[in-house]
Amino acid sequence: MSELILTVDVGNTATTCGLYEKEGPIKALFSFKTTMVTSAEELLAKINQFFILYKVSLTEIKGLSLSSVVPPLEDFWVELGKRWLAREVVVASKETVPLSLDLKYPTEVGADRLVNALAGWRKYKRSLIIVDFGTAITFDCLSSEGVYLGGAIAPGLFLSMEALFRGTAKLPRIDLATPPERVIGKDTVSALKSGLLFGFVGLTDYLVKKLAQEMASSPLVVATGGLAGLIAPLSETIQKIDPTLTLDGLFFLWKDRFT
């Protein structure tokens, strides 16, 4: 029977999970909408549906590595790990993630940003700007020595689209699966697509260029998160898409702690 490590990234919109062999690589990847629960058992019932799909037994889970930006859910995940899945549980924080932080208030940085930075440094070993397209868009900068320098945070694309829908009387929800053919929209839907997609590409490229100017060396720009595949091909500055970067960081964190 194989031994697996469950990595869990609890975001404001979605919770993304990865199952890794103890020596790598990733065996399964799944996600679901982040919702409040009332017990660890409720979480167990939710994730066990995916375990069944991937033919994974609960007894194969030997470790849990967690990052969360939703504090009320963190205790339920820790209880789930320790009570039902594994004794070896680690939660990402500035105390547990082995990075040097060049920040004014280190306690403020999100766990997801720290594990992104950890994974980026371990995988690429050079100065980086990591752009994570989630509920918010985060930009995280690492020096060529692996020091976390800080970055920038902006509203995410879906968050902005939802604000437009809720704050206006006539603008519809739209499908962003494909970019518009032209920047000049000839109807409301194409105009919304243009403003959102090309607008966020512009935001991304401008911020990346400004951040890079303040870094001592030329950084590699890596994109991750749910919308990376949509934005990155339109960007002039993003050089690589790494869809499992956050989960890889959680896996590295678990290995550092328990092996």
C-alpha atoms as a PDB file:
ATOM      1  CA  MET A   1       0.000   0.000   0.000  1.00  0.00           C
ATOM      2  CA  SER A   2       1.344   3.419  -0.964  1.00  0.00           C
ATOM      3  CA  GLU A   3       1.847   6.245   1.522  1.00  0.00           C
ATOM      4  CA  LEU A   4       0.378   9.574   0.457  1.00  0.00           C
ATOM      5  CA  ILE A   5       0.654  13.165   1.633  1.00  0.00           C
ATOM      6  CA  LEU A   6      -2.471  15.317   1.378  1.00  0.00           C
ATOM      7  CA  THR A   7      -1.783  18.982   0.629  1.00  0.00           C
ATOM      8  CA  VAL A   8      -4.642  21.433   1.117  1.00  0.00           C
ATOM      9  CA  ASP A   9      -4.794  25.102   0.111  1.00  0.00           C
ATOM     10  CA  VAL A  10      -7.933  26.722   1.563  1.00  0.00           C
ATOM     11  CA  GLY A  11      -8.689  29.889  -0.401  1.00  0.00           C
ATOM     12  CA  ASN A  12     -11.531  32.356  -0.090  1.00  0.00           C
ATOM     13  CA  THR A  13     -13.275  30.972  -3.178  1.00  0.00           C
ATOM     14  CA  ALA A  14     -11.941  27.448  -3.680  1.00  0.00           C
ATOM     15  CA  THR A  15     -10.124  24.761  -1.728  1.00  0.00           C
ATOM     16  CA  THR A  16      -7.518  22.931  -3.791  1.00  0.00           C
ATOM     17  CA  CYS A  17      -6.043  19.586  -2.745  1.00  0.00           C
ATOM     18  CA  GLY A  18      -3.203  17.442  -4.007  1.00  0.00           C
ATOM     19  CA  LEU A  19      -2.201  13.888  -3.170  1.00  0.00           C
ATOM     20  CA  TYR A  20       1.540  13.225  -3.391  1.00  0.00           C
ATOM     21  CA  GLU A  21       3.549  10.037  -3.158  1.00  0.00           C
ATOM     22  CA  LYS A  22       6.008  10.367  -0.253  1.00  0.00           C
ATOM     23  CA  GLU A  23       8.853  10.723  -2.744  1.00  0.00           C
ATOM     24  CA  GLY A  24       6.713  12.568  -5.305  1.00  0.00           C
ATOM     25  CA  PRO A  25       5.234  13.140  -7.827  1.00  0.00           C
ATOM     26  CA  ILE A  26       1.653  14.378  -7.456  1.00  0.00           C
ATOM     27  CA  LYS A  27      -0.849  11.543  -7.875  1.00  0.00           C
ATOM     28  CA  ALA A  28      -4.182  13.382  -7.864  1.00  0.00           C
ATOM     29  CA  LEU A  29      -5.474  16.936  -7.911  1.00  0.00           C
ATOM     30  CA  PHE A  30      -8.977  18.126  -7.023  1.00  0.00           C
ATOM     31  CA  SER A  31     -10.792  21.214  -5.806  1.00  0.00           C
ATOM     32  CA  PHE A  32     -14.160  22.321  -4.484  1.00  0.00           C
ATOM     33  CA  LYS A  33     -15.883  25.499  -3.429  1.00  0.00           C
ATOM     34  CA  THR A  34     -14.804  26.786  -0.027  1.00  0.00           C
ATOM     35  CA  THR A  35     -17.816  26.717   2.288  1.00  0.00           C
ATOM     36  CA  MET A  36     -18.191  26.849   6.046  1.00  0.00           C
ATOM     37  CA  VAL A  37     -18.580  23.504   7.803  1.00  0.00           C
ATOM     38  CA  THR A  38     -19.588  22.566  11.340  1.00  0.00           C
ATOM     39  CA  SER A  39     -17.237  19.646  11.983  1.00  0.00           C
ATOM     40  CA  ALA A  40     -14.148  17.796  10.833  1.00  0.00           C
ATOM     41  CA  GLU A  41     -16.408  14.894   9.915  1.00  0.00           C
ATOM     42  CA  GLU A  42     -18.254  17.091   7.425  1.00  0.00           C
ATOM     43  CA  LEU A  43     -14.938  17.887   5.758  1.00  0.00           C
ATOM     44  CA  LEU A  44     -14.042  14.206   5.762  1.00  0.00           C
ATOM     45  CA  ALA A  45     -17.276  13.311   3.981  1.00  0.00           C
ATOM     46  CA  LYS A  46     -16.547  15.960   1.356  1.00  0.00           C
ATOM     47  CA  ILE A  47     -12.983  14.933   0.533  1.00  0.00           C
ATOM     48  CA  ASN A  48     -13.716  11.203   0.782  1.00  0.00           C
ATOM     49  CA  GLN A  49     -15.817  11.531  -2.382  1.00  0.00           C
ATOM     50  CA  PHE A  50     -12.632  12.456  -4.232  1.00  0.00           C
ATOM     51  CA  PHE A  51     -10.641   9.689  -2.550  1.00  0.00           C
ATOM     52  CA  ILE A  52     -13.208   7.192  -3.813  1.00  0.00           C
ATOM     53  CA  LEU A  53     -12.969   8.690  -7.311  1.00  0.00           C
ATOM     54  CA  TYR A  54      -9.179   8.273  -7.320  1.00  0.00           C
ATOM     55  CA  LYS A  55      -9.339   4.868  -5.576  1.00  0.00           C
ATOM     56  CA  VAL A  56      -7.451   6.101  -2.514  1.00  0.00           C
ATOM     57  CA  SER A  57      -8.007   4.640   0.945  1.00  0.00           C
ATOM     58  CA  LEU A  58      -8.044   6.848   4.036  1.00  0.00           C
ATOM     59  CA  THR A  59      -5.400   4.582   5.538  1.00  0.00           C
ATOM     60  CA  GLU A  60      -2.976   5.575   2.759  1.00  0.00           C
ATOM     61  CA  ILE A  61      -2.874   9.195   3.965  1.00  0.00           C
ATOM     62  CA  LYS A  62       0.213   9.531   6.144  1.00  0.00           C
ATOM     63  CA  GLY A  63       0.511  13.300   6.352  1.00  0.00           C
ATOM     64  CA  LEU A  64      -1.389  16.568   5.896  1.00  0.00           C
ATOM     65  CA  SER A  65       0.125  19.909   4.924  1.00  0.00           C
ATOM     66  CA  LEU A  66      -2.253  22.873   5.112  1.00  0.00           C
ATOM     67  CA  SER A  67      -2.374  26.532   4.164  1.00  0.00           C
ATOM     68  CA  SER A  68      -5.496  28.558   4.826  1.00  0.00           C
ATOM     69  CA  VAL A  69      -6.645  32.144   4.454  1.00  0.00           C
ATOM     70  CA  VAL A  70      -9.994  31.275   6.094  1.00  0.00           C
ATOM     71  CA  PRO A  71      -9.210  31.086   9.852  1.00  0.00           C
ATOM     72  CA  PRO A  72     -12.538  29.510  10.976  1.00  0.00           C
ATOM     73  CA  LEU A  73     -11.822  26.432   8.813  1.00  0.00           C
ATOM     74  CA  GLU A  74      -8.240  25.863   9.914  1.00  0.00           C
ATOM     75  CA  ASP A  75      -9.059  24.041  13.176  1.00  0.00           C
ATOM     76  CA  PHE A  76     -11.459  21.669  11.392  1.00  0.00           C
ATOM     77  CA  TRP A  77      -8.752  20.717   8.874  1.00  0.00           C
ATOM     78  CA  VAL A  78      -6.186  20.166  11.620  1.00  0.00           C
ATOM     79  CA  GLU A  79      -8.663  18.008  13.554  1.00  0.00           C
ATOM     80  CA  LEU A  80      -9.446  16.072  10.378  1.00  0.00           C
ATOM     81  CA  GLY A  81      -5.769  15.411   9.791  1.00  0.00           C
ATOM     82  CA  LYS A  82      -4.892  14.368  13.315  1.00  0.00           C
ATOM     83  CA  ARG A  83      -8.051  12.435  14.149  1.00  0.00           C
ATOM     84  CA  TRP A  84      -9.014  10.769  10.894  1.00  0.00           C
ATOM     85  CA  LEU A  85      -6.112  10.815   8.462  1.00  0.00           C
ATOM     86  CA  ALA A  86      -2.607  11.155   9.908  1.00  0.00           C
ATOM     87  CA  ARG A  87      -0.614  12.203  12.940  1.00  0.00           C
ATOM     88  CA  GLU A  88       1.864  14.212  10.894  1.00  0.00           C
ATOM     89  CA  VAL A  89       0.158  17.554  10.300  1.00  0.00           C
ATOM     90  CA  VAL A  90       1.828  20.871   9.503  1.00  0.00           C
ATOM     91  CA  VAL A  91       0.153  24.265   9.013  1.00  0.00           C
ATOM     92  CA  ALA A  92       1.922  26.879   6.910  1.00  0.00           C
ATOM     93  CA  SER A  93       2.852  30.090   8.748  1.00  0.00           C
ATOM     94  CA  LYS A  94       5.823  32.375   9.122  1.00  0.00           C
ATOM     95  CA  GLU A  95       7.003  30.095  11.958  1.00  0.00           C
ATOM     96  CA  THR A  96       6.865  26.878   9.928  1.00  0.00           C
ATOM     97  CA  VAL A  97       7.838  27.968   6.407  1.00  0.00           C
ATOM     98  CA  PRO A  98      11.667  28.107   6.210  1.00  0.00           C
ATOM     99  CA  LEU A  99      12.123  31.439   4.467  1.00  0.00           C
ATOM    100  CA  SER A 100      13.888  34.661   5.390  1.00  0.00           C
ATOM    101  CA  LEU A 101      11.302  37.467   5.351  1.00  0.00           C
ATOM    102  CA  ASP A 102      12.283  41.051   4.569  1.00  0.00           C
ATOM    103  CA  LEU A 103       8.977  42.537   5.713  1.00  0.00           C
ATOM    104  CA  LYS A 104       7.834  45.312   8.031  1.00  0.00           C
ATOM    105  CA  TYR A 105       5.146  43.100   9.635  1.00  0.00           C
ATOM    106  CA  PRO A 106       5.985  39.419   8.946  1.00  0.00           C
ATOM    107  CA  THR A 107       2.856  38.136  10.721  1.00  0.00           C
ATOM    108  CA  GLU A 108       0.631  39.766   8.096  1.00  0.00           C
ATOM    109  CA  VAL A 109       1.758  37.720   5.092  1.00  0.00           C
ATOM    110  CA  GLY A 110      -0.695  35.019   3.985  1.00  0.00           C
ATOM    111  CA  ALA A 111       0.200  31.346   4.300  1.00  0.00           C
ATOM    112  CA  ASP A 112      -0.519  30.747   0.607  1.00  0.00           C
ATOM    113  CA  ARG A 113       1.972  33.435  -0.380  1.00  0.00           C
ATOM    114  CA  LEU A 114       4.641  31.900   1.826  1.00  0.00           C
ATOM    115  CA  VAL A 115       4.256  28.411   0.372  1.00  0.00           C
ATOM    116  CA  ASN A 116       4.242  29.862  -3.148  1.00  0.00           C
ATOM    117  CA  ALA A 117       7.548  31.522  -2.357  1.00  0.00           C
ATOM    118  CA  LEU A 118       8.953  28.341  -0.807  1.00  0.00           C
ATOM    119  CA  ALA A 119       8.008  26.283  -3.865  1.00  0.00           C
ATOM    120  CA  GLY A 120       9.317  28.934  -6.242  1.00  0.00           C
ATOM    121  CA  TRP A 121      12.693  29.043  -4.538  1.00  0.00           C
ATOM    122  CA  ARG A 122      13.042  25.257  -4.256  1.00  0.00           C
ATOM    123  CA  LYS A 123      12.079  24.684  -7.899  1.00  0.00           C
ATOM    124  CA  TYR A 124      13.852  27.569  -9.650  1.00  0.00           C
ATOM    125  CA  LYS A 125      16.662  28.730  -7.300  1.00  0.00           C
ATOM    126  CA  ARG A 126      16.695  32.285  -8.659  1.00  0.00           C
ATOM    127  CA  SER A 127      15.038  35.655  -8.204  1.00  0.00           C
ATOM    128  CA  LEU A 128      11.328  35.433  -8.890  1.00  0.00           C
ATOM    129  CA  ILE A 129       8.066  37.269  -9.201  1.00  0.00           C
ATOM    130  CA  ILE A 130       5.213  34.841  -8.552  1.00  0.00           C
ATOM    131  CA  VAL A 131       1.779  35.952  -9.760  1.00  0.00           C
ATOM    132  CA  ASP A 132      -1.086  33.982  -8.212  1.00  0.00           C
ATOM    133  CA  PHE A 133      -4.432  34.500  -9.938  1.00  0.00           C
ATOM    134  CA  GLY A 134      -6.989  33.688  -7.236  1.00  0.00           C
ATOM    135  CA  THR A 135      -9.776  35.604  -5.499  1.00  0.00           C
ATOM    136  CA  ALA A 136      -7.113  38.271  -5.199  1.00  0.00           C
ATOM    137  CA  ILE A 137      -4.103  38.562  -7.498  1.00  0.00           C
ATOM    138  CA  THR A 138      -0.944  38.395  -5.429  1.00  0.00           C
ATOM    139  CA  PHE A 139       2.543  39.325  -6.601  1.00  0.00           C
ATOM    140  CA  ASP A 140       5.360  37.866  -4.509  1.00  0.00           C
ATOM    141  CA  CYS A 141       9.016  38.778  -4.965  1.00  0.00           C
ATOM    142  CA  LEU A 142      12.052  36.671  -4.022  1.00  0.00           C
ATOM    143  CA  SER A 143      15.665  37.749  -4.187  1.00  0.00           C
ATOM    144  CA  SER A 144      18.404  35.710  -5.841  1.00  0.00           C
ATOM    145  CA  GLU A 145      19.346  34.571  -2.296  1.00  0.00           C
ATOM    146  CA  GLY A 146      15.857  33.241  -1.593  1.00  0.00           C
ATOM    147  CA  VAL A 147      14.727  36.093   0.649  1.00  0.00           C
ATOM    148  CA  TYR A 148      11.024  36.921   0.522  1.00  0.00           C
ATOM    149  CA  LEU A 149      10.873  40.643  -0.267  1.00  0.00           C
ATOM    150  CA  GLY A 150       7.117  41.308  -0.246  1.00  0.00           C
ATOM    151  CA  GLY A 151       5.007  42.250  -3.222  1.00  0.00           C
ATOM    152  CA  ALA A 152       1.582  43.554  -4.166  1.00  0.00           C
ATOM    153  CA  ILE A 153      -2.084  42.546  -3.867  1.00  0.00           C
ATOM    154  CA  ALA A 154      -4.911  43.484  -6.259  1.00  0.00           C
ATOM    155  CA  PRO A 155      -8.562  42.392  -6.617  1.00  0.00           C
ATOM    156  CA  GLY A 156      -9.005  39.240  -8.657  1.00  0.00           C
ATOM    157  CA  LEU A 157     -10.760  39.019 -11.989  1.00  0.00           C
ATOM    158  CA  PHE A 158     -13.854  37.140 -10.781  1.00  0.00           C
ATOM    159  CA  LEU A 159     -14.133  39.423  -7.750  1.00  0.00           C
ATOM    160  CA  SER A 160     -14.147  42.447 -10.058  1.00  0.00           C
ATOM    161  CA  MET A 161     -16.641  40.830 -12.426  1.00  0.00           C
ATOM    162  CA  GLU A 162     -18.966  40.051  -9.513  1.00  0.00           C
ATOM    163  CA  ALA A 163     -18.697  43.656  -8.297  1.00  0.00           C
ATOM    164  CA  LEU A 164     -19.712  44.888 -11.743  1.00  0.00           C
ATOM    165  CA  PHE A 165     -22.687  42.538 -11.841  1.00  0.00           C
ATOM    166  CA  ARG A 166     -23.894  43.428  -8.347  1.00  0.00           C
ATOM    167  CA  GLY A 167     -23.211  47.151  -8.607  1.00  0.00           C
ATOM    168  CA  THR A 168     -24.925  47.819 -11.935  1.00  0.00           C
ATOM    169  CA  ALA A 169     -28.459  47.352 -13.179  1.00  0.00           C
ATOM    170  CA  LYS A 170     -27.861  46.069 -16.702  1.00  0.00           C
ATOM    171  CA  LEU A 171     -24.429  44.475 -16.946  1.00  0.00           C
ATOM    172  CA  PRO A 172     -24.704  40.670 -17.241  1.00  0.00           C
ATOM    173  CA  ARG A 173     -22.491  37.907 -15.911  1.00  0.00           C
ATOM    174  CA  ILE A 174     -20.240  36.706 -18.716  1.00  0.00           C
ATOM    175  CA  ASP A 175     -18.207  33.647 -19.674  1.00  0.00           C
ATOM    176  CA  LEU A 176     -14.489  34.392 -19.587  1.00  0.00           C
ATOM    177  CA  ALA A 177     -13.343  31.047 -20.976  1.00  0.00           C
ATOM    178  CA  THR A 178     -12.145  32.661 -24.215  1.00  0.00           C
ATOM    179  CA  PRO A 179     -10.763  36.164 -24.824  1.00  0.00           C
ATOM    180  CA  PRO A 180     -12.534  38.563 -27.219  1.00  0.00           C
ATOM    181  CA  GLU A 181     -11.266  38.773 -30.779  1.00  0.00           C
ATOM    182  CA  ARG A 182     -10.869  42.563 -30.570  1.00  0.00           C
ATOM    183  CA  VAL A 183     -10.145  45.094 -27.852  1.00  0.00           C
ATOM    184  CA  ILE A 184     -12.909  47.377 -29.128  1.00  0.00           C
ATOM    185  CA  GLY A 185     -16.089  45.656 -28.006  1.00  0.00           C
ATOM    186  CA  LYS A 186     -19.041  45.915 -30.394  1.00  0.00           C
ATOM    187  CA  ASP A 187     -21.613  44.833 -27.795  1.00  0.00           C
ATOM    188  CA  THR A 188     -21.900  44.768 -24.012  1.00  0.00           C
ATOM    189  CA  VAL A 189     -20.602  41.237 -23.561  1.00  0.00           C
ATOM    190  CA  SER A 190     -17.528  41.723 -25.744  1.00  0.00           C
ATOM    191  CA  ALA A 191     -16.861  45.114 -24.126  1.00  0.00           C
ATOM    192  CA  LEU A 192     -16.979  43.496 -20.670  1.00  0.00           C
ATOM    193  CA  LYS A 193     -14.679  40.700 -21.797  1.00  0.00           C
ATOM    194  CA  SER A 194     -12.229  43.190 -23.235  1.00  0.00           C
ATOM    195  CA  GLY A 195     -12.213  45.406 -20.170  1.00  0.00           C
ATOM    196  CA  LEU A 196     -11.826  42.529 -17.744  1.00  0.00           C
ATOM    197  CA  LEU A 197      -9.355  40.291 -19.560  1.00  0.00           C
ATOM    198  CA  PHE A 198      -7.165  42.889 -21.248  1.00  0.00           C
ATOM    199  CA  GLY A 199      -7.517  45.186 -18.248  1.00  0.00           C
ATOM    200  CA  PHE A 200      -6.147  42.511 -15.928  1.00  0.00           C
ATOM    201  CA  VAL A 201      -3.391  41.660 -18.387  1.00  0.00           C
ATOM    202  CA  GLY A 202      -2.422  45.331 -18.322  1.00  0.00           C
ATOM    203  CA  LEU A 203      -2.556  45.417 -14.519  1.00  0.00           C
ATOM    204  CA  THR A 204      -0.384  42.306 -14.352  1.00  0.00           C
ATOM    205  CA  ASP A 205       2.237  43.491 -16.822  1.00  0.00           C
ATOM    206  CA  TYR A 206       2.511  46.992 -15.352  1.00  0.00           C
ATOM    207  CA  LEU A 207       2.901  45.729 -11.787  1.00  0.00           C
ATOM    208  CA  VAL A 208       5.425  43.070 -12.794  1.00  0.00           C
ATOM    209  CA  LYS A 209       7.544  45.675 -14.582  1.00  0.00           C
ATOM    210  CA  LYS A 210       7.420  48.085 -11.625  1.00  0.00           C
ATOM    211  CA  LEU A 211       8.250  45.327  -9.131  1.00  0.00           C
ATOM    212  CA  ALA A 212      11.144  44.087 -11.279  1.00  0.00           C
ATOM    213  CA  GLN A 213      12.609  47.600 -11.379  1.00  0.00           C
ATOM    214  CA  GLU A 214      12.983  47.526  -7.584  1.00  0.00           C
ATOM    215  CA  MET A 215      14.690  44.124  -7.536  1.00  0.00           C
ATOM    216  CA  ALA A 216      18.457  43.742  -7.698  1.00  0.00           C
ATOM    217  CA  SER A 217      18.427  41.065 -10.401  1.00  0.00           C
ATOM    218  CA  SER A 218      16.220  40.192 -13.366  1.00  0.00           C
ATOM    219  CA  PRO A 219      13.483  37.909 -12.009  1.00  0.00           C
ATOM    220  CA  LEU A 220      11.779  34.934 -13.611  1.00  0.00           C
ATOM    221  CA  VAL A 221       8.021  35.622 -13.709  1.00  0.00           C
ATOM    222  CA  VAL A 222       5.918  32.582 -12.835  1.00  0.00           C
ATOM    223  CA  ALA A 223       2.107  32.440 -12.864  1.00  0.00           C
ATOM    224  CA  THR A 224      -0.086  30.099 -10.853  1.00  0.00           C
ATOM    225  CA  GLY A 225      -3.698  29.961  -9.652  1.00  0.00           C
ATOM    226  CA  GLY A 226      -6.994  29.160 -11.323  1.00  0.00           C
ATOM    227  CA  LEU A 227      -6.905  31.864 -13.992  1.00  0.00           C
ATOM    228  CA  ALA A 228      -3.209  31.673 -14.849  1.00  0.00           C
ATOM    229  CA  GLY A 229      -3.946  29.710 -18.015  1.00  0.00           C
ATOM    230  CA  LEU A 230      -6.323  32.427 -19.205  1.00  0.00           C
ATOM    231  CA  ILE A 231      -4.245  35.524 -18.415  1.00  0.00           C
ATOM    232  CA  ALA A 232      -0.687  34.308 -18.954  1.00  0.00           C
ATOM    233  CA  PRO A 233      -0.933  33.685 -22.742  1.00  0.00           C
ATOM    234  CA  LEU A 234      -2.009  37.305 -23.207  1.00  0.00           C
ATOM    235  CA  SER A 235       0.750  38.706 -20.975  1.00  0.00           C
ATOM    236  CA  GLU A 236       4.042  40.198 -22.135  1.00  0.00           C
ATOM    237  CA  THR A 237       5.835  39.553 -18.834  1.00  0.00           C
ATOM    238  CA  ILE A 238       4.774  36.096 -17.593  1.00  0.00           C
ATOM    239  CA  GLN A 239       7.384  33.545 -18.624  1.00  0.00           C
ATOM    240  CA  LYS A 240       6.090  30.318 -17.102  1.00  0.00           C
ATOM    241  CA  ILE A 241       2.840  28.787 -15.827  1.00  0.00           C
ATOM    242  CA  ASP A 242       3.187  26.480 -12.824  1.00  0.00           C
ATOM    243  CA  PRO A 243      -0.333  25.285 -11.909  1.00  0.00           C
ATOM    244  CA  THR A 244       0.660  23.186  -8.860  1.00  0.00           C
ATOM    245  CA  LEU A 245       3.106  25.682  -7.322  1.00  0.00           C
ATOM    246  CA  THR A 246       1.141  26.223  -4.086  1.00  0.00           C
ATOM    247  CA  LEU A 247       0.570  22.509  -3.508  1.00  0.00           C
ATOM    248  CA  ASP A 248       4.219  21.781  -4.316  1.00  0.00           C
ATOM    249  CA  GLY A 249       5.181  24.299  -1.639  1.00  0.00           C
ATOM    250  CA  LEU A 250       2.982  22.507   0.879  1.00  0.00           C
ATOM    251  CA  PHE A 251       4.588  19.195  -0.065  1.00  0.00           C
ATOM    252  CA  PHE A 252       8.077  20.667   0.432  1.00  0.00           C
ATOM    253  CA  LEU A 253       6.938  22.044   3.785  1.00  0.00           C
ATOM    254  CA  TRP A 254       5.756  18.601   4.948  1.00  0.00           C
ATOM    255  CA  LYS A 255       8.978  16.927   3.802  1.00  0.00           C
ATOM    256  CA  ASP A 256      11.077  19.521   5.636  1.00  0.00           C
ATOM    257  CA  ARG A 257       9.123  18.891   8.820  1.00  0.00           C
ATOM    258  CA  PHE A 258       8.812  15.121   8.868  1.00  0.00           C
ATOM    259  CA  THR A 259      11.613  13.566   6.769  1.00  0.00           C
END
